[in-house]
C-alpha atoms as a PDB file:
ATOM      1  CA  UNK A   1      -1.347 -12.948   0.270  1.00  0.00           C
ATOM      2  CA  UNK A   2       0.853 -12.523   3.802  1.00  0.00           C
ATOM      3  CA  UNK A   3       2.693  -9.638   4.530  1.00  0.00           C
ATOM      4  CA  UNK A   4       5.690  -9.692   2.459  1.00  0.00           C
ATOM      5  CA  UNK A   5       3.886 -10.289  -0.890  1.00  0.00           C
ATOM      6  CA  UNK A   6       1.549  -7.966   0.071  1.00  0.00           C
ATOM      7  CA  UNK A   7       4.492  -5.505   0.646  1.00  0.00           C
ATOM      8  CA  UNK A   8       6.226  -6.185  -2.808  1.00  0.00           C
ATOM      9  CA  UNK A   9       2.678  -5.604  -4.224  1.00  0.00           C
ATOM     10  CA  UNK A  10       2.245  -2.287  -3.240  1.00  0.00           C
ATOM     11  CA  UNK A  11       5.750  -1.039  -3.400  1.00  0.00           C
ATOM     12  CA  UNK A  12       5.246  -3.138  -7.687  1.00  0.00           C
ATOM     13  CA  UNK A  13       2.093  -0.805  -8.463  1.00  0.00           C
ATOM     14  CA  UNK A  14       2.949   2.043  -6.444  1.00  0.00           C
ATOM     15  CA  UNK A  15       5.751   2.464  -8.721  1.00  0.00           C
ATOM     16  CA  UNK A  16       4.439   1.267 -11.518  1.00  0.00           C
ATOM     17  CA  UNK A  17       2.027   4.844 -11.418  1.00  0.00           C
ATOM     18  CA  UNK A  18       5.214   6.698 -11.107  1.00  0.00           C
ATOM     19  CA  UNK A  19       3.608   8.195  -7.096  1.00  0.00           C
ATOM     20  CA  UNK A  20       6.705   7.664  -4.657  1.00  0.00           C
ATOM     21  CA  UNK A  21       5.967   6.863  -1.370  1.00  0.00           C
ATOM     22  CA  UNK A  22       4.810  10.676   0.038  1.00  0.00           C
ATOM     23  CA  UNK A  23       2.637  10.823  -2.791  1.00  0.00           C
ATOM     24  CA  UNK A  24       1.050   7.537  -2.007  1.00  0.00           C
ATOM     25  CA  UNK A  25       0.689   8.493   1.897  1.00  0.00           C
ATOM     26  CA  UNK A  26      -0.837  11.514   1.121  1.00  0.00           C
ATOM     27  CA  UNK A  27      -3.807  10.096  -1.098  1.00  0.00           C
ATOM     28  CA  UNK A  28      -4.586   7.191   1.194  1.00  0.00           C
ATOM     29  CA  UNK A  29      -4.236   9.206   4.145  1.00  0.00           C
ATOM     30  CA  UNK A  30      -1.628   8.017   5.746  1.00  0.00           C
ATOM     31  CA  UNK A  31       1.994   9.086   6.425  1.00  0.00           C
ATOM     32  CA  UNK A  32       5.569   7.494   4.385  1.00  0.00           C
ATOM     33  CA  UNK A  33       6.789   5.765   7.418  1.00  0.00           C
ATOM     34  CA  UNK A  34       3.473   3.115   7.644  1.00  0.00           C
ATOM     35  CA  UNK A  35       3.500   3.148   3.697  1.00  0.00           C
ATOM     36  CA  UNK A  36       7.076   2.153   4.073  1.00  0.00           C
ATOM     37  CA  UNK A  37       6.525  -0.408   7.097  1.00  0.00           C
ATOM     38  CA  UNK A  38       3.615  -1.967   4.637  1.00  0.00           C
ATOM     39  CA  UNK A  39       6.144  -2.154   1.295  1.00  0.00           C
ATOM     40  CA  UNK A  40       8.808  -3.722   4.023  1.00  0.00           C
ATOM     41  CA  UNK A  41       6.403  -6.571   5.256  1.00  0.00           C
ATOM     42  CA  UNK A  42       7.218  -5.369   8.722  1.00  0.00           C
ATOM     43  CA  UNK A  43       3.635  -4.096   9.873  1.00  0.00           C
ATOM     44  CA  UNK A  44      -0.649  -4.609   9.536  1.00  0.00           C
ATOM     45  CA  UNK A  45      -2.019  -1.909   8.713  1.00  0.00           C
ATOM     46  CA  UNK A  46      -6.126  -0.790   9.043  1.00  0.00           C
ATOM     47  CA  UNK A  47      -9.028  -2.000   6.816  1.00  0.00           C
ATOM     48  CA  UNK A  48      -9.619   1.714   5.999  1.00  0.00           C
ATOM     49  CA  UNK A  49      -5.799   2.069   4.322  1.00  0.00           C
ATOM     50  CA  UNK A  50      -5.509  -1.175   2.750  1.00  0.00           C
ATOM     51  CA  UNK A  51      -8.864   0.128   0.939  1.00  0.00           C
ATOM     52  CA  UNK A  52      -7.503   3.413   0.025  1.00  0.00           C
ATOM     53  CA  UNK A  53      -4.150   1.558  -1.325  1.00  0.00           C
ATOM     54  CA  UNK A  54      -6.890  -0.967  -3.832  1.00  0.00           C
ATOM     55  CA  UNK A  55      -8.730   2.001  -4.836  1.00  0.00           C
ATOM     56  CA  UNK A  56      -5.586   4.465  -5.290  1.00  0.00           C
ATOM     57  CA  UNK A  57      -3.432   1.524  -7.074  1.00  0.00           C
ATOM     58  CA  UNK A  58      -6.091  -0.119  -8.833  1.00  0.00           C
ATOM     59  CA  UNK A  59      -4.978  -3.434  -6.787  1.00  0.00           C
ATOM     60  CA  UNK A  60      -6.896  -6.216  -5.746  1.00  0.00           C
ATOM     61  CA  UNK A  61      -5.897  -6.878  -1.866  1.00  0.00           C
ATOM     62  CA  UNK A  62      -9.415  -8.220  -0.961  1.00  0.00           C
ATOM     63  CA  UNK A  63     -11.519 -11.147  -2.177  1.00  0.00           C
ATOM     64  CA  UNK A  64     -14.856 -11.853  -0.938  1.00  0.00           C
END
């Protein structure tokens, strides 16, 4: 999954859960700017943040 596809998936899952960027950022221990960049596909993130997003949004990012 590329950055743009990942960003779209994160945004869609966040909106489906009815969460704002600020709410999700707080839940994952990040900030709204980082989340905005991820959703736009213009930034990379740490494994810790991506794993936290997976958990909070019930979104499968990693396939092992």
